[in-house]
Amino acid sequence: MTEPKDMIVPMLEEIRAEMTRAFDEVDKRFDGVDKRLDTIDGRQKSFNNALTADTMMGRFVTGDFEERIGELEKKVEQLIKGN
């Protein structure tokens, strides 16, 4: 029968090999998760850009109407003063 001292080193080598394999599998899984998160981040940035553009367009449209209303108010005041 082999002595316990002779069994320790091979057993530690086996444990190290198993741990290395397990960590490699975990790394692969994290790579997949990282890819998915990158995709989600890209979509979120696109969505935020779309919201910003929508807000800007709203401001331009609102600003344009406010200018038109201001011009119409001036014209009405001129008409009232002229009569």
PDB file of N, CA and C in Angstrom:
ATOM      1  N   MET A   1       0.841  -1.184   0.000  1.00  0.00           N
ATOM      2  CA  MET A   1       0.000   0.000   0.000  1.00  0.00           C
ATOM      3  C   MET A   1       0.888   1.250   0.000  1.00  0.00           C
ATOM      4  N   THR A   2       0.463   2.248  -0.780  1.00  0.00           N
ATOM      5  CA  THR A   2       1.256   3.471  -0.844  1.00  0.00           C
ATOM      6  C   THR A   2       1.045   4.284   0.415  1.00  0.00           C
ATOM      7  N   GLU A   3       2.047   4.993   0.732  1.00  0.00           N
ATOM      8  CA  GLU A   3       1.971   5.798   1.939  1.00  0.00           C
ATOM      9  C   GLU A   3       1.220   7.099   1.662  1.00  0.00           C
ATOM     10  N   PRO A   4       0.560   7.687   2.662  1.00  0.00           N
ATOM     11  CA  PRO A   4      -0.193   8.921   2.479  1.00  0.00           C
ATOM     12  C   PRO A   4       0.654  10.062   1.928  1.00  0.00           C
ATOM     13  N   LYS A   5       1.938  10.088   2.269  1.00  0.00           N
ATOM     14  CA  LYS A   5       2.811  11.151   1.761  1.00  0.00           C
ATOM     15  C   LYS A   5       2.906  11.091   0.249  1.00  0.00           C
ATOM     16  N   ASP A   6       2.902   9.895  -0.310  1.00  0.00           N
ATOM     17  CA  ASP A   6       3.023   9.733  -1.757  1.00  0.00           C
ATOM     18  C   ASP A   6       1.724  10.069  -2.480  1.00  0.00           C
ATOM     19  N   MET A   7       0.619  10.088  -1.774  1.00  0.00           N
ATOM     20  CA  MET A   7      -0.680  10.361  -2.396  1.00  0.00           C
ATOM     21  C   MET A   7      -1.028  11.844  -2.415  1.00  0.00           C
ATOM     22  N   ILE A   8      -0.411  12.618  -1.570  1.00  0.00           N
ATOM     23  CA  ILE A   8      -0.784  14.032  -1.417  1.00  0.00           C
ATOM     24  C   ILE A   8      -0.467  14.830  -2.675  1.00  0.00           C
ATOM     25  N   VAL A   9       0.726  14.724  -3.201  1.00  0.00           N
ATOM     26  CA  VAL A   9       1.126  15.531  -4.359  1.00  0.00           C
ATOM     27  C   VAL A   9       0.263  15.211  -5.584  1.00  0.00           C
ATOM     28  N   PRO A  10       0.056  13.940  -5.945  1.00  0.00           N
ATOM     29  CA  PRO A  10      -0.814  13.668  -7.096  1.00  0.00           C
ATOM     30  C   PRO A  10      -2.247  14.156  -6.875  1.00  0.00           C
ATOM     31  N   MET A  11      -2.733  14.030  -5.623  1.00  0.00           N
ATOM     32  CA  MET A  11      -4.078  14.492  -5.349  1.00  0.00           C
ATOM     33  C   MET A  11      -4.173  16.013  -5.488  1.00  0.00           C
ATOM     34  N   LEU A  12      -3.176  16.737  -5.039  1.00  0.00           N
ATOM     35  CA  LEU A  12      -3.159  18.191  -5.198  1.00  0.00           C
ATOM     36  C   LEU A  12      -3.081  18.580  -6.667  1.00  0.00           C
ATOM     37  N   GLU A  13      -2.340  17.826  -7.458  1.00  0.00           N
ATOM     38  CA  GLU A  13      -2.266  18.095  -8.894  1.00  0.00           C
ATOM     39  C   GLU A  13      -3.624  17.893  -9.556  1.00  0.00           C
ATOM     40  N   GLU A  14      -4.342  16.844  -9.144  1.00  0.00           N
ATOM     41  CA  GLU A  14      -5.680  16.595  -9.681  1.00  0.00           C
ATOM     42  C   GLU A  14      -6.635  17.723  -9.304  1.00  0.00           C
ATOM     43  N   ILE A  15      -6.550  18.159  -8.066  1.00  0.00           N
ATOM     44  CA  ILE A  15      -7.414  19.253  -7.603  1.00  0.00           C
ATOM     45  C   ILE A  15      -7.120  20.520  -8.398  1.00  0.00           C
ATOM     46  N   ARG A  16      -5.841  20.794  -8.612  1.00  0.00           N
ATOM     47  CA  ARG A  16      -5.457  21.985  -9.375  1.00  0.00           C
ATOM     48  C   ARG A  16      -5.996  21.909 -10.803  1.00  0.00           C
ATOM     49  N   ALA A  17      -5.892  20.728 -11.419  1.00  0.00           N
ATOM     50  CA  ALA A  17      -6.387  20.558 -12.784  1.00  0.00           C
ATOM     51  C   ALA A  17      -7.910  20.757 -12.839  1.00  0.00           C
ATOM     52  N   GLU A  18      -8.627  20.200 -11.867  1.00  0.00           N
ATOM     53  CA  GLU A  18     -10.076  20.363 -11.824  1.00  0.00           C
ATOM     54  C   GLU A  18     -10.457  21.833 -11.622  1.00  0.00           C
ATOM     55  N   MET A  19      -9.738  22.509 -10.759  1.00  0.00           N
ATOM     56  CA  MET A  19     -10.022  23.928 -10.520  1.00  0.00           C
ATOM     57  C   MET A  19      -9.754  24.752 -11.773  1.00  0.00           C
ATOM     58  N   THR A  20      -8.678  24.431 -12.470  1.00  0.00           N
ATOM     59  CA  THR A  20      -8.356  25.150 -13.699  1.00  0.00           C
ATOM     60  C   THR A  20      -9.464  24.961 -14.724  1.00  0.00           C
ATOM     61  N   ARG A  21      -9.942  23.715 -14.883  1.00  0.00           N
ATOM     62  CA  ARG A  21     -11.037  23.451 -15.816  1.00  0.00           C
ATOM     63  C   ARG A  21     -12.296  24.212 -15.403  1.00  0.00           C
ATOM     64  N   ALA A  22     -12.594  24.205 -14.124  1.00  0.00           N
ATOM     65  CA  ALA A  22     -13.791  24.898 -13.638  1.00  0.00           C
ATOM     66  C   ALA A  22     -13.691  26.403 -13.891  1.00  0.00           C
ATOM     67  N   PHE A  23     -12.524  26.968 -13.621  1.00  0.00           N
ATOM     68  CA  PHE A  23     -12.347  28.406 -13.855  1.00  0.00           C
ATOM     69  C   PHE A  23     -12.425  28.741 -15.347  1.00  0.00           C
ATOM     70  N   ASP A  24     -11.926  27.863 -16.191  1.00  0.00           N
ATOM     71  CA  ASP A  24     -12.036  28.081 -17.637  1.00  0.00           C
ATOM     72  C   ASP A  24     -13.505  28.110 -18.063  1.00  0.00           C
ATOM     73  N   GLU A  25     -14.303  27.200 -17.511  1.00  0.00           N
ATOM     74  CA  GLU A  25     -15.732  27.185 -17.831  1.00  0.00           C
ATOM     75  C   GLU A  25     -16.422  28.450 -17.336  1.00  0.00           C
ATOM     76  N   VAL A  26     -16.061  28.887 -16.156  1.00  0.00           N
ATOM     77  CA  VAL A  26     -16.644  30.121 -15.620  1.00  0.00           C
ATOM     78  C   VAL A  26     -16.251  31.311 -16.490  1.00  0.00           C
ATOM     79  N   ASP A  27     -15.004  31.352 -16.922  1.00  0.00           N
ATOM     80  CA  ASP A  27     -14.555  32.429 -17.805  1.00  0.00           C
ATOM     81  C   ASP A  27     -15.355  32.447 -19.105  1.00  0.00           C
ATOM     82  N   LYS A  28     -15.607  31.269 -19.661  1.00  0.00           N
ATOM     83  CA  LYS A  28     -16.405  31.196 -20.893  1.00  0.00           C
ATOM     84  C   LYS A  28     -17.811  31.723 -20.664  1.00  0.00           C
ATOM     85  N   ARG A  29     -18.397  31.355 -19.532  1.00  0.00           N
ATOM     86  CA  ARG A  29     -19.742  31.830 -19.233  1.00  0.00           C
ATOM     87  C   ARG A  29     -19.758  33.341 -19.044  1.00  0.00           C
ATOM     88  N   PHE A  30     -18.749  33.872 -18.384  1.00  0.00           N
ATOM     89  CA  PHE A  30     -18.671  35.321 -18.202  1.00  0.00           C
ATOM     90  C   PHE A  30     -18.469  36.044 -19.530  1.00  0.00           C
ATOM     91  N   ASP A  31     -17.741  35.430 -20.446  1.00  0.00           N
ATOM     92  CA  ASP A  31     -17.597  36.028 -21.779  1.00  0.00           C
ATOM     93  C   ASP A  31     -18.958  36.190 -22.438  1.00  0.00           C
ATOM     94  N   GLY A  32     -19.799  35.158 -22.317  1.00  0.00           N
ATOM     95  CA  GLY A  32     -21.150  35.247 -22.869  1.00  0.00           C
ATOM     96  C   GLY A  32     -21.970  36.325 -22.198  1.00  0.00           C
ATOM     97  N   VAL A  33     -21.857  36.418 -20.900  1.00  0.00           N
ATOM     98  CA  VAL A  33     -22.591  37.445 -20.156  1.00  0.00           C
ATOM     99  C   VAL A  33     -22.094  38.836 -20.546  1.00  0.00           C
ATOM    100  N   ASP A  34     -20.795  38.982 -20.681  1.00  0.00           N
ATOM    101  CA  ASP A  34     -20.236  40.282 -21.081  1.00  0.00           C
ATOM    102  C   ASP A  34     -20.746  40.700 -22.460  1.00  0.00           C
ATOM    103  N   LYS A  35     -20.835  39.754 -23.383  1.00  0.00           N
ATOM    104  CA  LYS A  35     -21.352  40.074 -24.724  1.00  0.00           C
ATOM    105  C   LYS A  35     -22.800  40.542 -24.637  1.00  0.00           C
ATOM    106  N   ARG A  36     -23.594  39.846 -23.830  1.00  0.00           N
ATOM    107  CA  ARG A  36     -24.995  40.234 -23.687  1.00  0.00           C
ATOM    108  C   ARG A  36     -25.112  41.611 -23.056  1.00  0.00           C
ATOM    109  N   LEU A  37     -24.308  41.887 -22.042  1.00  0.00           N
ATOM    110  CA  LEU A  37     -24.349  43.204 -21.397  1.00  0.00           C
ATOM    111  C   LEU A  37     -23.910  44.308 -22.348  1.00  0.00           C
ATOM    112  N   ASP A  38     -22.904  44.033 -23.183  1.00  0.00           N
ATOM    113  CA  ASP A  38     -22.475  45.018 -24.173  1.00  0.00           C
ATOM    114  C   ASP A  38     -23.605  45.326 -25.149  1.00  0.00           C
ATOM    115  N   THR A  39     -24.328  44.288 -25.554  1.00  0.00           N
ATOM    116  CA  THR A  39     -25.463  44.482 -26.449  1.00  0.00           C
ATOM    117  C   THR A  39     -26.538  45.341 -25.779  1.00  0.00           C
ATOM    118  N   ILE A  40     -26.817  45.047 -24.534  1.00  0.00           N
ATOM    119  CA  ILE A  40     -27.817  45.820 -23.798  1.00  0.00           C
ATOM    120  C   ILE A  40     -27.366  47.266 -23.645  1.00  0.00           C
ATOM    121  N   ASP A  41     -26.083  47.474 -23.340  1.00  0.00           N
ATOM    122  CA  ASP A  41     -25.563  48.839 -23.216  1.00  0.00           C
ATOM    123  C   ASP A  41     -25.705  49.598 -24.531  1.00  0.00           C
ATOM    124  N   GLY A  42     -25.406  48.923 -25.642  1.00  0.00           N
ATOM    125  CA  GLY A  42     -25.542  49.560 -26.953  1.00  0.00           C
ATOM    126  C   GLY A  42     -26.973  49.965 -27.239  1.00  0.00           C
ATOM    127  N   ARG A  43     -27.904  49.070 -26.907  1.00  0.00           N
ATOM    128  CA  ARG A  43     -29.318  49.391 -27.121  1.00  0.00           C
ATOM    129  C   ARG A  43     -29.760  50.540 -26.228  1.00  0.00           C
ATOM    130  N   GLN A  44     -29.275  50.541 -24.997  1.00  0.00           N
ATOM    131  CA  GLN A  44     -29.648  51.607 -24.074  1.00  0.00           C
ATOM    132  C   GLN A  44     -29.126  52.954 -24.558  1.00  0.00           C
ATOM    133  N   LYS A  45     -27.903  52.972 -25.085  1.00  0.00           N
ATOM    134  CA  LYS A  45     -27.359  54.220 -25.627  1.00  0.00           C
ATOM    135  C   LYS A  45     -28.182  54.697 -26.811  1.00  0.00           C
ATOM    136  N   SER A  46     -28.569  53.765 -27.694  1.00  0.00           N
ATOM    137  CA  SER A  46     -29.394  54.130 -28.841  1.00  0.00           C
ATOM    138  C   SER A  46     -30.727  54.705 -28.384  1.00  0.00           C
ATOM    139  N   PHE A  47     -31.322  54.061 -27.377  1.00  0.00           N
ATOM    140  CA  PHE A  47     -32.599  54.529 -26.851  1.00  0.00           C
ATOM    141  C   PHE A  47     -32.452  55.920 -26.248  1.00  0.00           C
ATOM    142  N   ASN A  48     -31.386  56.139 -25.472  1.00  0.00           N
ATOM    143  CA  ASN A  48     -31.151  57.456 -24.872  1.00  0.00           C
ATOM    144  C   ASN A  48     -30.940  58.512 -25.947  1.00  0.00           C
ATOM    145  N   ASN A  49     -30.204  58.152 -27.006  1.00  0.00           N
ATOM    146  CA  ASN A  49     -29.999  59.102 -28.101  1.00  0.00           C
ATOM    147  C   ASN A  49     -31.323  59.439 -28.778  1.00  0.00           C
ATOM    148  N   ALA A  50     -32.173  58.429 -28.953  1.00  0.00           N
ATOM    149  CA  ALA A  50     -33.477  58.681 -29.566  1.00  0.00           C
ATOM    150  C   ALA A  50     -34.318  59.597 -28.682  1.00  0.00           C
ATOM    151  N   LEU A  51     -34.281  59.376 -27.376  1.00  0.00           N
ATOM    152  CA  LEU A  51     -35.039  60.245 -26.475  1.00  0.00           C
ATOM    153  C   LEU A  51     -34.521  61.678 -26.514  1.00  0.00           C
ATOM    154  N   THR A  52     -33.208  61.818 -26.563  1.00  0.00           N
ATOM    155  CA  THR A  52     -32.621  63.160 -26.638  1.00  0.00           C
ATOM    156  C   THR A  52     -33.041  63.853 -27.929  1.00  0.00           C
ATOM    157  N   ALA A  53     -32.994  63.110 -29.025  1.00  0.00           N
ATOM    158  CA  ALA A  53     -33.388  63.697 -30.311  1.00  0.00           C
ATOM    159  C   ALA A  53     -34.863  64.080 -30.290  1.00  0.00           C
ATOM    160  N   ASP A  54     -35.703  63.237 -29.685  1.00  0.00           N
ATOM    161  CA  ASP A  54     -37.122  63.524 -29.597  1.00  0.00           C
ATOM    162  C   ASP A  54     -37.363  64.778 -28.762  1.00  0.00           C
ATOM    163  N   THR A  55     -36.639  64.906 -27.672  1.00  0.00           N
ATOM    164  CA  THR A  55     -36.768  66.087 -26.823  1.00  0.00           C
ATOM    165  C   THR A  55     -36.338  67.343 -27.577  1.00  0.00           C
ATOM    166  N   MET A  56     -35.243  67.224 -28.309  1.00  0.00           N
ATOM    167  CA  MET A  56     -34.762  68.385 -29.070  1.00  0.00           C
ATOM    168  C   MET A  56     -35.767  68.784 -30.140  1.00  0.00           C
ATOM    169  N   MET A  57     -36.327  67.792 -30.834  1.00  0.00           N
ATOM    170  CA  MET A  57     -37.321  68.104 -31.867  1.00  0.00           C
ATOM    171  C   MET A  57     -38.539  68.776 -31.231  1.00  0.00           C
ATOM    172  N   GLY A  58     -38.934  68.302 -30.063  1.00  0.00           N
ATOM    173  CA  GLY A  58     -40.057  68.912 -29.362  1.00  0.00           C
ATOM    174  C   GLY A  58     -39.770  70.361 -29.021  1.00  0.00           C
ATOM    175  N   ARG A  59     -38.556  70.607 -28.586  1.00  0.00           N
ATOM    176  CA  ARG A  59     -38.180  71.991 -28.252  1.00  0.00           C
ATOM    177  C   ARG A  59     -38.187  72.876 -29.502  1.00  0.00           C
ATOM    178  N   PHE A  60     -37.679  72.341 -30.609  1.00  0.00           N
ATOM    179  CA  PHE A  60     -37.670  73.134 -31.847  1.00  0.00           C
ATOM    180  C   PHE A  60     -39.091  73.448 -32.294  1.00  0.00           C
ATOM    181  N   VAL A  61     -39.953  72.447 -32.261  1.00  0.00           N
ATOM    182  CA  VAL A  61     -41.339  72.649 -32.682  1.00  0.00           C
ATOM    183  C   VAL A  61     -42.035  73.629 -31.755  1.00  0.00           C
ATOM    184  N   THR A  62     -41.866  73.435 -30.458  1.00  0.00           N
ATOM    185  CA  THR A  62     -42.494  74.324 -29.484  1.00  0.00           C
ATOM    186  C   THR A  62     -41.955  75.738 -29.640  1.00  0.00           C
ATOM    187  N   GLY A  63     -40.658  75.857 -29.807  1.00  0.00           N
ATOM    188  CA  GLY A  63     -40.058  77.173 -29.990  1.00  0.00           C
ATOM    189  C   GLY A  63     -40.583  77.853 -31.232  1.00  0.00           C
ATOM    190  N   ASP A  64     -40.768  77.097 -32.298  1.00  0.00           N
ATOM    191  CA  ASP A  64     -41.280  77.651 -33.546  1.00  0.00           C
ATOM    192  C   ASP A  64     -42.705  78.167 -33.334  1.00  0.00           C
ATOM    193  N   PHE A  65     -43.547  77.396 -32.643  1.00  0.00           N
ATOM    194  CA  PHE A  65     -44.910  77.842 -32.389  1.00  0.00           C
ATOM    195  C   PHE A  65     -44.931  79.069 -31.495  1.00  0.00           C
ATOM    196  N   GLU A  66     -44.061  79.096 -30.492  1.00  0.00           N
ATOM    197  CA  GLU A  66     -44.016  80.246 -29.598  1.00  0.00           C
ATOM    198  C   GLU A  66     -43.632  81.502 -30.360  1.00  0.00           C
ATOM    199  N   GLU A  67     -42.695  81.377 -31.304  1.00  0.00           N
ATOM    200  CA  GLU A  67     -42.314  82.538 -32.115  1.00  0.00           C
ATOM    201  C   GLU A  67     -43.481  82.978 -32.981  1.00  0.00           C
ATOM    202  N   ARG A  68     -44.195  82.034 -33.573  1.00  0.00           N
ATOM    203  CA  ARG A  68     -45.344  82.385 -34.419  1.00  0.00           C
ATOM    204  C   ARG A  68     -46.432  83.059 -33.594  1.00  0.00           C
ATOM    205  N   ILE A  69     -46.696  82.521 -32.400  1.00  0.00           N
ATOM    206  CA  ILE A  69     -47.716  83.119 -31.544  1.00  0.00           C
ATOM    207  C   ILE A  69     -47.295  84.534 -31.154  1.00  0.00           C
ATOM    208  N   GLY A  70     -46.023  84.719 -30.839  1.00  0.00           N
ATOM    209  CA  GLY A  70     -45.524  86.055 -30.504  1.00  0.00           C
ATOM    210  C   GLY A  70     -45.710  87.024 -31.659  1.00  0.00           C
ATOM    211  N   GLU A  71     -45.428  86.564 -32.869  1.00  0.00           N
ATOM    212  CA  GLU A  71     -45.606  87.425 -34.043  1.00  0.00           C
ATOM    213  C   GLU A  71     -47.081  87.759 -34.250  1.00  0.00           C
ATOM    214  N   LEU A  72     -47.941  86.761 -34.084  1.00  0.00           N
ATOM    215  CA  LEU A  72     -49.374  87.011 -34.234  1.00  0.00           C
ATOM    216  C   LEU A  72     -49.873  87.988 -33.170  1.00  0.00           C
ATOM    217  N   GLU A  73     -49.396  87.863 -31.953  1.00  0.00           N
ATOM    218  CA  GLU A  73     -49.805  88.795 -30.896  1.00  0.00           C
ATOM    219  C   GLU A  73     -49.382  90.213 -31.241  1.00  0.00           C
ATOM    220  N   LYS A  74     -48.174  90.366 -31.801  1.00  0.00           N
ATOM    221  CA  LYS A  74     -47.706  91.704 -32.198  1.00  0.00           C
ATOM    222  C   LYS A  74     -48.585  92.278 -33.298  1.00  0.00           C
ATOM    223  N   LYS A  75     -48.950  91.435 -34.255  1.00  0.00           N
ATOM    224  CA  LYS A  75     -49.810  91.901 -35.349  1.00  0.00           C
ATOM    225  C   LYS A  75     -51.187  92.319 -34.831  1.00  0.00           C
ATOM    226  N   VAL A  76     -51.723  91.539 -33.892  1.00  0.00           N
ATOM    227  CA  VAL A  76     -53.032  91.880 -33.320  1.00  0.00           C
ATOM    228  C   VAL A  76     -52.938  93.202 -32.571  1.00  0.00           C
ATOM    229  N   GLU A  77     -51.869  93.401 -31.813  1.00  0.00           N
ATOM    230  CA  GLU A  77     -51.687  94.664 -31.083  1.00  0.00           C
ATOM    231  C   GLU A  77     -51.591  95.831 -32.069  1.00  0.00           C
ATOM    232  N   GLN A  78     -50.892  95.624 -33.174  1.00  0.00           N
ATOM    233  CA  GLN A  78     -50.782  96.696 -34.177  1.00  0.00           C
ATOM    234  C   GLN A  78     -52.143  96.988 -34.793  1.00  0.00           C
ATOM    235  N   LEU A  79     -52.916  95.953 -35.040  1.00  0.00           N
ATOM    236  CA  LEU A  79     -54.239  96.160 -35.615  1.00  0.00           C
ATOM    237  C   LEU A  79     -55.145  96.916 -34.639  1.00  0.00           C
ATOM    238  N   ILE A  80     -55.050  96.544 -33.361  1.00  0.00           N
ATOM    239  CA  ILE A  80     -55.878  97.202 -32.352  1.00  0.00           C
ATOM    240  C   ILE A  80     -55.467  98.663 -32.197  1.00  0.00           C
ATOM    241  N   LYS A  81     -54.176  98.923 -32.177  1.00  0.00           N
ATOM    242  CA  LYS A  81     -53.690 100.297 -32.033  1.00  0.00           C
ATOM    243  C   LYS A  81     -54.000 101.114 -33.283  1.00  0.00           C
ATOM    244  N   GLY A  82     -53.969 100.443 -34.425  1.00  0.00           N
ATOM    245  CA  GLY A  82     -54.228 101.147 -35.685  1.00  0.00           C
ATOM    246  C   GLY A  82     -55.689 101.537 -35.832  1.00  0.00           C
ATOM    247  N   ASN A  83     -56.610 100.829 -35.203  1.00  0.00           N
ATOM    248  CA  ASN A  83     -58.023 101.145 -35.337  1.00  0.00           C
ATOM    249  C   ASN A  83     -58.469 102.075 -34.300  1.00  0.00           C
TER     250      ASN A  83
END
